[in-house]
Amino acid sequence: MSALIAAPVLLPAFAGVATLLFRRRRRWIGAGMSIGATAVLLVIGVALLVRATTGEVSVYALGDWPAPFGIVLVLDRLAAMMLVLTAALALAVGVHATLTGLDRRGWHFHPLFQFQLLGINGAFLTGDLFNLFVFFEVLLIASYGLLLHGQGARRLTAGVQYVIVNLVGSTLFLIALGLLYGITGTLNMADMAVRGAALGAGDQGLFRAGGMLLMAVFALKAALLPLHLWLPRAYAGAAPAVAALFAIMTKVGAYAIIRTGPLIFAGAAGRYMVPAALATMILGFAGFVAARHLRSMAAFGLIGSTAILLTAVALFEEGAMAAALYYLPHTTIAAALLFLVADLVMRWRGAEGDSIVSTGAYQGRQLVAFLFLAAGVALAGLPPLSGFIGKLFILDAALRSAWWPAIWAVILGTSLVAVIALARGGSTLFWKRGTGQQPAVERTPPALLEAAPAGFLLALLGMLTIGAGPVTAYMEATSRQIFSTAAYIGAVLPARPGTGA
């Protein structure tokens, strides 16, 4: 069973290579293989999640080389949850891209899609900071190709900026790794936690500097102010289905903060992250209300909702972390749903695209309006969906922090702004009668089946809402496991003769 831990990394690697064989002829076979592999990945993720519910931290050592010398993959409650979330989101995006023909606008969509999953899953499972860097680079390289998929000057401009910003982040990542390795002599997370705690007072300053630089890199990946500027243009310029998959990428940065903060650096960055997250929340929802296109609205909504998540994470306290973990899958799925709805609007509406302007009626308008309403309710955190529950958990947990007045004011204020923006955008798009040109009569309306992936994501939000009790219990247990660093260290590092450890 321990070898199954490697499957979320190996399966996308083999599937990505296999789909290359069918990139020119019989492309439907390659698409079927990609979607099938993603479905199997979801099944494997659920199996690993069931295993993680026992509370055991499972370790798979590649080549039987023990940590800290060899490469290890580590499965706990947090990693298992992220694997399931990634696979579920990827399945919806893969099916949507195939049904709408997005995968046929270039030769390499499905191989890049699978390699993206390889990098994301590897980042969630690795127990080593250098391999975290490697998996970051794998997912970033794949994301460069996916961002440009479908071509266009707008995507090229956004892609160049995206590449430059992430190259700077990768450089800072390597510098941080060099500092930490030089002071501790290891890059294994568990081993670094042990050695970092044993450092003398003279070395603690350099260790903290390396840790702060590493947290800055993760904050860049999570689009935390002032390192957020790359995200709106990149996500709004990408194909909406690609941007929906990218919704999980900001959570890779959040995951890295959650993984390394309590384990290695004892949450030292929290005092700086809280005000940065609050400022990011304000900026994200200000862009949300000012957006004139649905894709831009979804991109800024992703920034704002991720900032809500990071606000709770930055408190580095068990209750707040449990609330953040409940909100994490919600914000990912809600943002992805809004991106898919934007794509449906663009396809079903005709020439106006995703511009928030009034147009004449078109076939499928009622269904798209309902999906937009559901995505808006989810992203704004209104009842009855899980965003409302998640925000309540975060507000309650914030009461134990000195930051609670600011957190309450900003979260409630930005929620009101989001409601105003969504009400204005929805009424303009689906209620007001426009004087613009009607879609051509001979234009074949898109198939109803194209809305199925968006419906799947909405169903996931419904399940997260209905199952709030057991999901919350799982997140609370996950939070306890995150802060019980001794269990993680004991599982990763082998017993040392004569030390009892």
Protein backbone atom coordinates (compact mmCIF):
# COMPACT_ATOMS: atom_id res chain seq x y z
CA MET A 1 0.00 0.00 0.00
CA SER A 2 2.92 2.41 0.67
CA ALA A 3 3.91 2.25 -3.01
CA LEU A 4 0.50 3.73 -3.89
CA ILE A 5 1.76 7.05 -2.52
CA ALA A 6 3.93 7.40 -5.63
CA ALA A 7 0.99 6.81 -8.00
CA PRO A 8 -0.22 10.47 -8.08
CA VAL A 9 3.23 11.40 -9.42
CA LEU A 10 3.86 8.44 -11.73
CA LEU A 11 0.42 8.18 -13.32
CA PRO A 12 0.38 11.72 -14.82
CA ALA A 13 3.96 11.21 -16.03
CA PHE A 14 3.07 8.05 -17.96
CA ALA A 15 -0.26 9.49 -19.14
CA GLY A 16 1.42 12.65 -20.40
CA VAL A 17 3.92 10.66 -22.45
CA ALA A 18 1.22 8.31 -23.76
CA THR A 19 -0.99 11.16 -24.98
CA LEU A 20 1.90 12.47 -27.07
CA LEU A 21 1.59 9.39 -29.29
CA PHE A 22 -1.85 10.55 -30.43
CA ARG A 23 -1.30 14.28 -30.77
CA ARG A 24 -1.77 14.32 -34.57
CA ARG A 25 -3.85 11.29 -35.48
CA ARG A 26 -6.72 9.85 -33.49
CA ARG A 27 -6.49 12.70 -31.01
CA TRP A 28 -9.69 11.53 -29.38
CA ILE A 29 -7.73 8.52 -28.07
CA GLY A 30 -5.22 10.83 -26.41
CA ALA A 31 -8.04 12.91 -24.92
CA GLY A 32 -9.75 9.76 -23.63
CA MET A 33 -6.49 8.55 -22.08
CA SER A 34 -5.96 11.90 -20.37
CA ILE A 35 -9.48 12.06 -18.93
CA GLY A 36 -9.35 8.38 -17.95
CA ALA A 37 -6.01 8.85 -16.19
CA THR A 38 -7.42 11.87 -14.32
CA ALA A 39 -10.46 9.84 -13.22
CA VAL A 40 -8.15 7.06 -11.97
CA LEU A 41 -6.13 9.73 -10.19
CA LEU A 42 -9.28 10.80 -8.36
CA VAL A 43 -9.96 7.21 -7.30
CA ILE A 44 -6.37 6.86 -6.06
CA GLY A 45 -6.67 10.17 -4.21
CA VAL A 46 -9.81 9.00 -2.44
CA ALA A 47 -8.08 5.72 -1.49
CA LEU A 48 -5.15 7.67 -0.04
CA LEU A 49 -7.57 9.99 1.76
CA VAL A 50 -9.23 6.99 3.41
CA ARG A 51 -5.81 5.78 4.47
CA ALA A 52 -4.86 9.18 5.87
CA THR A 53 -8.00 9.34 8.02
CA THR A 54 -6.35 6.88 10.42
CA GLY A 55 -4.01 9.70 11.43
CA GLU A 56 -0.91 7.79 10.36
CA VAL A 57 1.83 9.66 8.50
CA SER A 58 2.91 7.32 5.68
CA VAL A 59 6.30 7.59 4.01
CA TYR A 60 7.51 6.13 0.73
CA ALA A 61 11.31 6.17 0.25
CA LEU A 62 12.31 6.05 -3.41
CA GLY A 63 14.94 3.38 -3.97
CA ASP A 64 14.70 2.41 -0.28
CA TRP A 65 17.07 5.24 0.60
CA PRO A 66 15.93 6.54 4.00
CA ALA A 67 15.54 10.20 4.85
CA PRO A 68 17.35 12.54 5.04
CA PHE A 69 19.66 11.02 2.42
CA GLY A 70 17.07 9.77 -0.05
CA ILE A 71 13.98 11.21 -1.71
CA VAL A 72 10.83 10.60 0.31
CA LEU A 73 7.16 11.13 -0.43
CA VAL A 74 5.04 11.82 2.63
CA LEU A 75 1.29 11.29 2.93
CA ASP A 76 -0.73 12.79 5.75
CA ARG A 77 -4.22 14.23 6.06
CA LEU A 78 -3.25 17.55 4.46
CA ALA A 79 -1.50 16.02 1.45
CA ALA A 80 -4.34 13.53 0.87
CA MET A 81 -6.95 16.29 0.92
CA MET A 82 -4.98 18.34 -1.61
CA LEU A 83 -4.59 15.32 -3.92
CA VAL A 84 -8.35 14.71 -3.98
CA LEU A 85 -9.10 18.40 -4.56
CA THR A 86 -6.61 18.58 -7.43
CA ALA A 87 -7.92 15.43 -9.12
CA ALA A 88 -11.58 16.51 -8.84
CA LEU A 89 -10.82 19.95 -10.26
CA ALA A 90 -8.64 18.49 -13.02
CA LEU A 91 -11.36 16.03 -14.04
CA ALA A 92 -13.88 18.86 -14.50
CA VAL A 93 -11.39 21.00 -16.43
CA GLY A 94 -10.22 18.13 -18.64
CA VAL A 95 -13.76 17.17 -19.60
CA HIS A 96 -14.70 20.82 -20.21
CA ALA A 97 -11.66 21.40 -22.43
CA THR A 98 -12.50 18.30 -24.47
CA LEU A 99 -16.22 19.04 -24.84
CA THR A 100 -15.63 22.64 -25.89
CA GLY A 101 -12.78 21.81 -28.28
CA LEU A 102 -10.16 23.80 -26.37
CA ASP A 103 -7.77 20.85 -26.48
CA ARG A 104 -7.90 20.94 -30.31
CA ARG A 105 -6.62 24.51 -30.60
CA GLY A 106 -3.06 23.28 -30.19
CA TRP A 107 -1.10 20.03 -30.35
CA HIS A 108 -0.03 19.52 -26.76
CA PHE A 109 -2.89 20.39 -24.41
CA HIS A 110 -3.30 16.96 -22.79
CA PRO A 111 0.45 16.23 -22.32
CA LEU A 112 0.91 19.66 -20.71
CA PHE A 113 -2.24 19.09 -18.65
CA GLN A 114 -0.85 15.81 -17.26
CA PHE A 115 2.60 17.25 -16.58
CA GLN A 116 0.91 20.09 -14.72
CA LEU A 117 -0.79 17.50 -12.50
CA LEU A 118 2.55 15.75 -12.02
CA GLY A 119 4.11 18.93 -10.67
CA ILE A 120 1.17 19.83 -8.45
CA ASN A 121 0.84 16.35 -6.92
CA GLY A 122 4.59 16.10 -6.43
CA ALA A 123 4.61 19.41 -4.56
CA PHE A 124 1.92 18.11 -2.22
CA LEU A 125 3.70 14.82 -1.50
CA THR A 126 7.39 15.68 -1.33
CA GLY A 127 9.15 15.74 2.01
CA ASP A 128 12.18 17.62 0.69
CA LEU A 129 12.56 21.34 -0.04
CA PHE A 130 14.77 20.83 -3.08
CA ASN A 131 12.27 18.45 -4.64
CA LEU A 132 9.56 20.98 -3.79
CA PHE A 133 11.54 23.39 -5.96
CA VAL A 134 11.81 20.75 -8.72
CA PHE A 135 8.08 20.07 -8.72
CA PHE A 136 7.38 23.81 -8.69
CA GLU A 137 9.46 24.11 -11.86
CA VAL A 138 7.67 21.17 -13.50
CA LEU A 139 4.24 22.68 -12.89
CA LEU A 140 5.45 26.13 -13.95
CA ILE A 141 6.93 24.87 -17.23
CA ALA A 142 3.67 23.08 -18.02
CA SER A 143 1.69 26.17 -17.05
CA TYR A 144 3.71 28.31 -19.49
CA GLY A 145 2.52 26.11 -22.34
CA LEU A 146 -1.06 25.95 -21.10
CA LEU A 147 -1.18 29.72 -20.66
CA LEU A 148 -0.24 30.22 -24.33
CA HIS A 149 -2.55 27.46 -25.57
CA GLY A 150 -4.84 28.85 -28.24
CA GLN A 151 -2.35 31.63 -29.09
CA GLY A 152 -3.22 35.30 -29.33
CA ALA A 153 -1.30 38.52 -28.65
CA ARG A 154 -2.98 39.01 -25.27
CA ARG A 155 -1.89 35.58 -24.08
CA LEU A 156 1.64 36.08 -25.37
CA THR A 157 2.00 39.35 -23.44
CA ALA A 158 0.56 37.84 -20.27
CA GLY A 159 2.72 34.74 -20.75
CA VAL A 160 5.96 36.73 -20.98
CA GLN A 161 5.16 38.61 -17.78
CA TYR A 162 4.16 35.37 -16.09
CA VAL A 163 7.44 33.71 -17.08
CA ILE A 164 9.58 36.65 -15.91
CA VAL A 165 7.88 36.92 -12.51
CA ASN A 166 8.14 33.19 -11.86
CA LEU A 167 11.78 33.08 -12.97
CA VAL A 168 12.50 35.74 -10.35
CA GLY A 169 10.61 33.61 -7.83
CA SER A 170 12.60 30.52 -8.78
CA THR A 171 15.86 32.42 -8.37
CA LEU A 172 14.86 33.60 -4.89
CA PHE A 173 13.79 30.03 -4.08
CA LEU A 174 17.29 28.74 -4.91
CA ILE A 175 18.92 31.50 -2.86
CA ALA A 176 16.72 30.61 0.12
CA LEU A 177 17.58 26.92 -0.27
CA GLY A 178 21.27 27.77 -0.39
CA LEU A 179 21.04 29.77 2.83
CA LEU A 180 19.09 27.08 4.64
CA TYR A 181 21.32 24.26 3.43
CA GLY A 182 24.44 26.19 4.36
CA ILE A 183 23.25 26.71 7.93
CA THR A 184 21.59 23.33 8.56
CA GLY A 185 23.31 20.94 6.15
CA THR A 186 20.02 19.41 4.98
CA LEU A 187 17.00 20.14 2.81
CA ASN A 188 14.74 17.40 4.13
CA MET A 189 11.88 19.20 5.89
CA ALA A 190 11.76 16.96 8.95
CA ASP A 191 15.55 16.95 9.33
CA MET A 192 15.70 20.73 8.89
CA ALA A 193 13.07 21.15 11.62
CA VAL A 194 15.28 19.14 14.02
CA ARG A 195 18.54 20.84 13.08
CA GLY A 196 17.02 24.31 12.96
CA ALA A 197 15.71 23.98 16.50
CA ALA A 198 19.18 22.92 17.68
CA LEU A 199 21.05 25.88 16.13
CA GLY A 200 22.94 28.23 18.38
CA ALA A 201 21.84 31.81 18.94
CA GLY A 202 24.48 33.08 16.51
CA ASP A 203 23.03 31.03 13.64
CA GLN A 204 19.35 31.64 14.30
CA GLY A 205 19.36 35.01 12.53
CA LEU A 206 20.59 33.56 9.24
CA PHE A 207 18.19 30.64 9.58
CA ARG A 208 15.27 33.02 10.06
CA ALA A 209 16.43 35.11 7.09
CA GLY A 210 16.40 32.03 4.87
CA GLY A 211 12.97 31.12 6.20
CA MET A 212 11.56 34.59 5.54
CA LEU A 213 12.93 34.54 1.98
CA LEU A 214 11.34 31.14 1.45
CA MET A 215 8.01 32.43 2.76
CA ALA A 216 8.26 35.38 0.36
CA VAL A 217 8.59 32.92 -2.54
CA PHE A 218 5.55 30.99 -1.36
CA ALA A 219 3.65 34.28 -0.94
CA LEU A 220 4.48 35.09 -4.58
CA LYS A 221 3.02 31.74 -5.66
CA ALA A 222 -0.08 32.46 -3.58
CA ALA A 223 -0.38 36.00 -5.09
CA LEU A 224 -0.04 37.81 -1.76
CA LEU A 225 0.40 41.59 -1.94
CA PRO A 226 2.75 43.11 -3.07
CA LEU A 227 3.67 39.97 -5.05
CA HIS A 228 0.27 39.54 -6.69
CA LEU A 229 0.57 41.70 -9.80
CA TRP A 230 1.33 38.80 -12.14
CA LEU A 231 -1.95 36.96 -11.52
CA PRO A 232 -4.82 39.15 -12.88
CA ARG A 233 -3.40 39.60 -16.37
CA ALA A 234 -2.11 36.03 -16.65
CA TYR A 235 -5.33 34.37 -15.52
CA ALA A 236 -7.60 36.76 -17.44
CA GLY A 237 -5.49 36.24 -20.58
CA ALA A 238 -5.48 32.44 -20.43
CA ALA A 239 -8.25 30.27 -21.80
CA PRO A 240 -10.94 30.16 -19.07
CA ALA A 241 -10.65 26.38 -18.64
CA VAL A 242 -6.89 26.73 -18.18
CA ALA A 243 -7.44 29.53 -15.65
CA ALA A 244 -9.87 27.23 -13.82
CA LEU A 245 -7.09 24.67 -13.43
CA PHE A 246 -4.71 27.42 -12.35
CA ALA A 247 -7.04 28.12 -9.40
CA ILE A 248 -5.24 25.29 -7.60
CA MET A 249 -1.81 26.84 -8.24
CA THR A 250 -2.26 29.67 -5.74
CA LYS A 251 -3.17 26.93 -3.24
CA VAL A 252 0.19 25.26 -3.90
CA GLY A 253 1.79 28.39 -2.45
CA ALA A 254 -0.65 28.36 0.46
CA TYR A 255 0.05 24.64 1.00
CA ALA A 256 3.80 25.29 1.13
CA ILE A 257 3.26 27.95 3.81
CA ILE A 258 1.03 25.59 5.80
CA ARG A 259 3.52 22.74 5.45
CA THR A 260 6.76 24.56 6.29
CA GLY A 261 5.54 27.32 8.61
CA PRO A 262 4.55 25.29 11.70
CA LEU A 263 7.04 22.48 10.99
CA ILE A 264 10.28 24.37 10.37
CA PHE A 265 9.84 28.04 11.19
CA ALA A 266 7.26 27.94 14.01
CA GLY A 267 4.98 30.41 12.22
CA ALA A 268 7.53 33.23 12.43
CA ALA A 269 6.17 34.96 9.32
CA GLY A 270 2.66 35.35 10.74
CA ARG A 271 3.11 38.89 11.99
CA TYR A 272 3.89 40.07 8.44
CA MET A 273 1.42 37.86 6.61
CA VAL A 274 -1.75 39.03 8.36
CA PRO A 275 -1.58 42.70 7.25
CA ALA A 276 -0.38 41.63 3.78
CA ALA A 277 -3.32 39.22 3.46
CA LEU A 278 -5.82 41.88 4.58
CA ALA A 279 -4.42 44.39 2.09
CA THR A 280 -4.56 41.73 -0.66
CA MET A 281 -8.19 41.04 0.22
CA ILE A 282 -9.09 44.71 -0.15
CA LEU A 283 -7.24 45.03 -3.44
CA GLY A 284 -8.65 41.78 -4.83
CA PHE A 285 -12.27 42.69 -4.22
CA ALA A 286 -11.69 46.27 -5.39
CA GLY A 287 -10.56 44.79 -8.70
CA PHE A 288 -13.54 42.45 -8.52
CA VAL A 289 -16.02 45.33 -8.47
CA ALA A 290 -14.09 47.33 -11.07
CA ALA A 291 -13.74 44.47 -13.59
CA ARG A 292 -15.37 44.89 -16.97
CA HIS A 293 -14.91 41.29 -18.13
CA LEU A 294 -15.95 38.04 -16.46
CA ARG A 295 -12.46 36.55 -16.68
CA SER A 296 -10.96 39.58 -14.96
CA MET A 297 -13.69 39.40 -12.33
CA ALA A 298 -12.88 35.74 -11.70
CA ALA A 299 -9.13 36.49 -11.49
CA PHE A 300 -9.58 39.26 -8.91
CA GLY A 301 -12.11 37.13 -7.05
CA LEU A 302 -9.50 34.40 -6.84
CA ILE A 303 -7.00 36.87 -5.37
CA GLY A 304 -9.48 38.13 -2.79
CA SER A 305 -10.75 34.72 -1.70
CA THR A 306 -7.21 33.32 -1.48
CA ALA A 307 -6.35 36.28 0.75
CA ILE A 308 -9.20 35.27 3.09
CA LEU A 309 -7.64 31.81 3.28
CA LEU A 310 -4.16 33.21 3.95
CA THR A 311 -5.49 35.52 6.66
CA ALA A 312 -6.59 32.48 8.66
CA VAL A 313 -3.40 30.56 7.83
CA ALA A 314 -1.22 33.48 8.99
CA LEU A 315 -2.62 33.23 12.52
CA PHE A 316 -0.78 29.87 12.85
CA GLU A 317 -3.22 28.56 15.44
CA GLU A 318 -5.09 25.24 15.40
CA GLY A 319 -8.61 26.64 15.29
CA ALA A 320 -7.79 29.21 12.61
CA MET A 321 -5.92 26.59 10.55
CA ALA A 322 -8.93 24.24 10.67
CA ALA A 323 -11.14 27.07 9.42
CA ALA A 324 -8.65 27.86 6.66
CA LEU A 325 -8.53 24.21 5.59
CA TYR A 326 -12.32 24.09 5.29
CA TYR A 327 -12.30 27.28 3.23
CA LEU A 328 -9.44 26.10 0.98
CA PRO A 329 -11.37 23.63 -1.22
CA HIS A 330 -14.33 26.02 -1.31
CA THR A 331 -12.38 28.98 -2.70
CA THR A 332 -10.59 26.77 -5.23
CA ILE A 333 -13.78 25.22 -6.60
CA ALA A 334 -15.76 28.49 -6.53
CA ALA A 335 -13.12 30.41 -8.50
CA ALA A 336 -12.78 27.56 -11.01
CA LEU A 337 -16.58 27.47 -11.41
CA LEU A 338 -16.67 31.18 -12.22
CA PHE A 339 -13.97 30.72 -14.87
CA LEU A 340 -15.94 27.88 -16.49
CA VAL A 341 -19.10 30.01 -16.39
CA ALA A 342 -17.17 32.80 -18.13
CA ASP A 343 -16.23 30.32 -20.86
CA LEU A 344 -19.85 29.25 -21.28
CA VAL A 345 -20.93 32.89 -21.57
CA MET A 346 -18.29 33.48 -24.23
CA ARG A 347 -19.34 30.41 -26.23
CA TRP A 348 -23.10 30.73 -25.88
CA ARG A 349 -23.36 34.49 -26.11
CA GLY A 350 -21.53 35.14 -29.35
CA ALA A 351 -19.64 38.24 -30.41
CA GLU A 352 -19.75 40.12 -27.09
CA GLY A 353 -17.59 37.50 -25.41
CA ASP A 354 -17.22 37.89 -21.64
CA SER A 355 -17.67 41.68 -21.56
CA ILE A 356 -20.05 42.77 -18.82
CA VAL A 357 -22.47 44.59 -21.12
CA SER A 358 -26.12 44.07 -21.99
CA THR A 359 -26.95 41.94 -25.03
CA GLY A 360 -29.99 40.36 -26.55
CA ALA A 361 -31.33 37.01 -25.45
CA TYR A 362 -29.54 33.87 -26.57
CA GLN A 363 -30.16 30.16 -26.22
CA GLY A 364 -28.93 28.77 -22.89
CA ARG A 365 -29.12 32.14 -21.16
CA GLN A 366 -31.21 30.86 -18.24
CA LEU A 367 -28.84 27.98 -17.47
CA VAL A 368 -25.74 30.17 -17.63
CA ALA A 369 -27.47 32.77 -15.45
CA PHE A 370 -28.19 30.11 -12.83
CA LEU A 371 -24.57 28.91 -12.86
CA PHE A 372 -23.34 32.51 -12.58
CA LEU A 373 -25.65 33.09 -9.62
CA ALA A 374 -24.35 29.94 -7.90
CA ALA A 375 -20.71 30.85 -8.58
CA GLY A 376 -21.33 34.39 -7.33
CA VAL A 377 -23.03 33.20 -4.14
CA ALA A 378 -20.12 30.82 -3.54
CA LEU A 379 -17.36 33.36 -4.16
CA ALA A 380 -19.05 36.10 -2.11
CA GLY A 381 -19.55 33.69 0.79
CA LEU A 382 -23.33 33.95 0.97
CA PRO A 383 -25.66 31.27 2.34
CA PRO A 384 -26.52 28.53 1.68
CA LEU A 385 -23.21 27.41 0.11
CA SER A 386 -20.01 26.46 1.90
CA GLY A 387 -18.34 29.87 1.56
CA PHE A 388 -20.71 31.26 4.19
CA ILE A 389 -19.81 28.43 6.59
CA GLY A 390 -16.10 28.85 5.90
CA LYS A 391 -16.19 32.58 6.57
CA LEU A 392 -18.10 32.02 9.81
CA PHE A 393 -15.40 29.58 10.94
CA ILE A 394 -12.65 32.06 10.08
CA LEU A 395 -14.39 34.97 11.83
CA ASP A 396 -14.94 32.85 14.93
CA ALA A 397 -11.31 31.68 14.98
CA ALA A 398 -10.07 35.26 14.51
CA LEU A 399 -11.64 36.29 17.83
CA ARG A 400 -8.67 34.68 19.61
CA SER A 401 -6.25 36.96 17.74
CA ALA A 402 -5.27 40.57 18.41
CA TRP A 403 -6.01 41.19 14.74
CA TRP A 404 -9.69 40.31 15.08
CA PRO A 405 -11.19 43.84 14.63
CA ALA A 406 -9.29 44.33 11.36
CA ILE A 407 -10.06 40.80 10.15
CA TRP A 408 -13.78 41.15 10.86
CA ALA A 409 -13.97 44.61 9.26
CA VAL A 410 -12.14 43.63 6.08
CA ILE A 411 -13.88 40.26 5.55
CA LEU A 412 -17.37 41.71 6.12
CA GLY A 413 -16.61 44.83 4.08
CA THR A 414 -15.22 42.92 1.11
CA SER A 415 -18.14 40.50 1.24
CA LEU A 416 -20.50 43.44 0.80
CA VAL A 417 -18.40 44.72 -2.09
CA ALA A 418 -18.51 41.27 -3.72
CA VAL A 419 -22.30 41.14 -3.44
CA ILE A 420 -22.60 44.56 -5.09
CA ALA A 421 -20.23 43.58 -7.90
CA LEU A 422 -22.00 40.30 -8.59
CA ALA A 423 -25.46 41.88 -8.48
CA ARG A 424 -24.39 44.57 -10.93
CA GLY A 425 -22.62 42.13 -13.24
CA GLY A 426 -25.40 39.56 -13.18
CA SER A 427 -28.17 42.07 -13.83
CA THR A 428 -26.20 43.57 -16.72
CA LEU A 429 -25.39 40.23 -18.31
CA PHE A 430 -28.65 38.34 -17.86
CA TRP A 431 -31.46 40.75 -17.03
CA LYS A 432 -31.08 44.00 -18.96
CA ARG A 433 -32.10 43.92 -22.59
CA GLY A 434 -29.32 45.04 -24.85
CA THR A 435 -29.57 46.84 -28.16
CA GLY A 436 -26.57 45.06 -29.62
CA GLN A 437 -26.61 42.69 -32.54
CA GLN A 438 -28.30 39.36 -31.91
CA PRO A 439 -26.27 36.20 -32.41
CA ALA A 440 -26.57 34.90 -35.97
CA VAL A 441 -29.60 32.69 -36.51
CA GLU A 442 -27.56 30.10 -38.37
CA ARG A 443 -25.12 29.80 -35.48
CA THR A 444 -25.44 26.36 -33.91
CA PRO A 445 -26.02 26.74 -30.16
CA PRO A 446 -23.50 24.91 -27.97
CA ALA A 447 -24.55 21.56 -26.59
CA LEU A 448 -26.09 21.43 -23.14
CA LEU A 449 -23.49 18.82 -22.23
CA GLU A 450 -20.83 21.54 -22.20
CA ALA A 451 -22.30 22.85 -18.94
CA ALA A 452 -21.87 19.45 -17.22
CA PRO A 453 -18.34 20.14 -15.81
CA ALA A 454 -19.57 23.40 -14.26
CA GLY A 455 -22.51 21.48 -12.82
CA PHE A 456 -20.05 18.96 -11.38
CA LEU A 457 -18.12 21.72 -9.59
CA LEU A 458 -21.38 23.14 -8.25
CA ALA A 459 -22.31 19.68 -6.97
CA LEU A 460 -18.95 19.52 -5.16
CA LEU A 461 -19.75 22.81 -3.43
CA GLY A 462 -23.11 21.37 -2.44
CA MET A 463 -21.43 18.28 -1.00
CA LEU A 464 -19.00 20.48 0.93
CA THR A 465 -21.99 22.36 2.36
CA ILE A 466 -24.15 19.33 3.21
CA GLY A 467 -21.19 17.47 4.66
CA ALA A 468 -19.93 20.44 6.66
CA GLY A 469 -19.98 18.42 9.91
CA PRO A 470 -17.73 15.50 8.90
CA VAL A 471 -15.60 17.75 6.68
CA THR A 472 -15.00 20.12 9.60
CA ALA A 473 -14.08 17.20 11.85
CA TYR A 474 -11.54 16.05 9.24
CA MET A 475 -10.09 19.55 8.96
CA GLU A 476 -9.79 19.89 12.74
CA ALA A 477 -7.92 16.58 12.88
CA THR A 478 -5.74 17.76 9.99
CA SER A 479 -4.94 20.99 11.82
CA ARG A 480 -3.93 19.06 14.94
CA GLN A 481 -1.69 16.85 12.82
CA ILE A 482 -0.05 19.90 11.20
CA PHE A 483 0.89 21.34 14.58
CA SER A 484 1.91 17.93 16.00
CA THR A 485 5.29 18.22 14.32
CA ALA A 486 6.84 15.40 16.36
CA ALA A 487 4.61 12.84 14.62
CA TYR A 488 5.66 14.06 11.17
CA ILE A 489 9.35 14.10 12.11
CA GLY A 490 9.16 10.67 13.73
CA ALA A 491 7.54 9.16 10.64
CA VAL A 492 10.00 10.66 8.14
CA LEU A 493 13.29 10.23 9.96
CA PRO A 494 14.45 6.67 10.74
CA ALA A 495 15.23 5.66 14.29
CA ARG A 496 18.81 6.47 15.20
CA PRO A 497 20.64 3.83 17.25
CA GLY A 498 21.61 5.00 20.67
CA THR A 499 19.42 8.08 20.57
CA GLY A 500 15.98 6.57 20.94
CA ALA A 501 14.83 8.76 18.05
